[in-house]
Amino acid sequence: MHLTETADGIRFQVAVQPKSSRNLIVGSYGDALKIKLKAPPVDGAANRMLVQFVAKVLKVPKSAVEIVVGHTSRVKQLLVHYPAAPPSAEDRRQLRQAILSLAEKQESP
């Protein structure tokens, strides 16, 4: 999984599979993180669930997770904002590690 650090946060790609039996992080899927979601891809429901699910797993507010590319695609680019501006080196390290750890395990909160 490829992460890009910006001044605002960390960007990474996700591959979303809607209409799953449960919300689940599957793991790495090429350069993306594969996530299964219960919501259907109708009227933005899957996008809203994606933001809520990623925020819950990373233990950040929903407002810290933003879909920046791919609103109508299954492959999306997320930006997870740093908790403070300007972020400390420790904030950067912790967020980066939390995102990378998602690819290593399956999550189903």
Protein backbone atom coordinates (compact mmCIF):
# COMPACT_ATOMS: atom_id res chain seq x y z
CA MET A 1 0.00 0.00 0.00
CA HIS A 2 1.36 3.37 -1.02
CA LEU A 3 0.97 6.38 1.30
CA THR A 4 1.54 10.00 0.30
CA GLU A 5 2.14 12.56 3.01
CA THR A 6 0.82 16.07 2.40
CA ALA A 7 0.77 19.19 4.51
CA ASP A 8 -2.81 18.31 5.59
CA GLY A 9 -2.55 14.57 6.18
CA ILE A 10 -1.89 11.24 4.53
CA ARG A 11 -3.41 10.09 1.23
CA PHE A 12 -3.90 6.48 0.19
CA GLN A 13 -6.04 4.44 -2.18
CA VAL A 14 -8.86 2.11 -1.22
CA ALA A 15 -10.68 -0.44 -3.34
CA VAL A 16 -14.28 -0.65 -2.12
CA GLN A 17 -16.56 -3.65 -2.52
CA PRO A 18 -20.12 -2.55 -1.68
CA LYS A 19 -23.07 -4.75 -0.69
CA SER A 20 -20.97 -7.10 1.43
CA SER A 21 -22.37 -9.11 4.33
CA ARG A 22 -20.35 -6.99 6.78
CA ASN A 23 -17.89 -4.12 6.97
CA LEU A 24 -14.41 -5.59 6.70
CA ILE A 25 -10.88 -4.52 5.87
CA VAL A 26 -9.54 -7.31 3.67
CA GLY A 27 -5.94 -6.07 3.44
CA SER A 28 -3.64 -4.93 0.66
CA TYR A 29 -4.97 -5.12 -2.87
CA GLY A 30 -2.18 -4.02 -5.19
CA ASP A 31 -1.41 -0.41 -4.28
CA ALA A 32 -4.74 -0.03 -2.46
CA LEU A 33 -6.39 -1.16 0.74
CA LYS A 34 -9.41 -3.38 0.01
CA ILE A 35 -12.48 -2.66 2.12
CA LYS A 36 -15.82 -4.48 2.00
CA LEU A 37 -18.86 -2.44 3.02
CA LYS A 38 -22.48 -3.39 3.78
CA ALA A 39 -23.88 -0.28 2.11
CA PRO A 40 -24.98 -0.32 -1.54
CA PRO A 41 -23.39 2.12 -4.01
CA VAL A 42 -26.58 4.19 -4.18
CA ASP A 43 -26.99 7.89 -3.35
CA GLY A 44 -23.57 8.08 -1.69
CA ALA A 45 -24.42 5.47 0.97
CA ALA A 46 -21.22 3.49 0.40
CA ASN A 47 -19.12 6.67 0.51
CA ARG A 48 -20.68 7.73 3.80
CA MET A 49 -20.16 4.27 5.28
CA LEU A 50 -16.56 4.22 4.03
CA VAL A 51 -15.75 7.50 5.79
CA GLN A 52 -17.49 6.37 8.97
CA PHE A 53 -15.82 2.93 8.96
CA VAL A 54 -12.29 4.21 8.28
CA ALA A 55 -12.68 6.89 10.96
CA LYS A 56 -13.83 4.29 13.48
CA VAL A 57 -10.99 1.90 12.69
CA LEU A 58 -8.35 4.66 12.84
CA LYS A 59 -9.99 6.21 15.94
CA VAL A 60 -10.25 9.65 14.37
CA PRO A 61 -13.29 11.91 13.90
CA LYS A 62 -15.35 11.37 10.74
CA SER A 63 -14.44 14.92 9.75
CA ALA A 64 -10.77 13.83 9.55
CA VAL A 65 -11.47 11.37 6.70
CA GLU A 66 -12.13 12.78 3.24
CA ILE A 67 -12.66 11.14 -0.15
CA VAL A 68 -10.58 13.28 -2.50
CA VAL A 69 -10.74 11.21 -5.71
CA GLY A 70 -13.20 8.58 -6.96
CA HIS A 71 -16.58 9.52 -5.50
CA THR A 72 -18.33 7.38 -8.14
CA SER A 73 -15.62 4.75 -8.56
CA ARG A 74 -14.81 1.62 -6.59
CA VAL A 75 -11.19 2.78 -6.35
CA LYS A 76 -10.98 5.92 -4.27
CA GLN A 77 -8.28 8.07 -2.77
CA LEU A 78 -8.72 9.03 0.87
CA LEU A 79 -7.08 11.84 2.80
CA VAL A 80 -6.87 11.37 6.55
CA HIS A 81 -6.15 14.75 8.10
CA TYR A 82 -3.60 15.17 10.88
CA PRO A 83 -5.13 15.78 14.33
CA ALA A 84 -3.45 19.17 14.74
CA ALA A 85 -2.06 21.86 12.48
CA PRO A 86 0.84 22.04 12.18
CA PRO A 87 1.33 18.34 12.95
CA SER A 88 4.19 17.23 15.12
CA ALA A 89 6.59 14.54 13.96
CA GLU A 90 4.91 12.20 16.44
CA ASP A 91 1.43 12.95 14.99
CA ARG A 92 2.75 12.15 11.51
CA ARG A 93 4.41 8.92 12.65
CA GLN A 94 1.37 7.68 14.59
CA LEU A 95 -1.09 8.32 11.77
CA ARG A 96 1.21 6.73 9.20
CA GLN A 97 1.67 3.64 11.37
CA ALA A 98 -2.08 3.35 12.05
CA ILE A 99 -2.86 3.43 8.32
CA LEU A 100 -0.12 0.94 7.44
CA SER A 101 -1.34 -1.44 10.13
CA LEU A 102 -4.74 -1.63 8.39
CA ALA A 103 -3.17 -3.54 5.51
CA GLU A 104 -1.70 -6.11 7.90
CA LYS A 105 -4.91 -7.26 9.57
CA GLN A 106 -8.59 -7.73 8.98
CA GLU A 107 -10.85 -5.33 10.87
CA SER A 108 -14.54 -5.67 11.42
CA PRO A 109 -15.78 -3.24 14.10
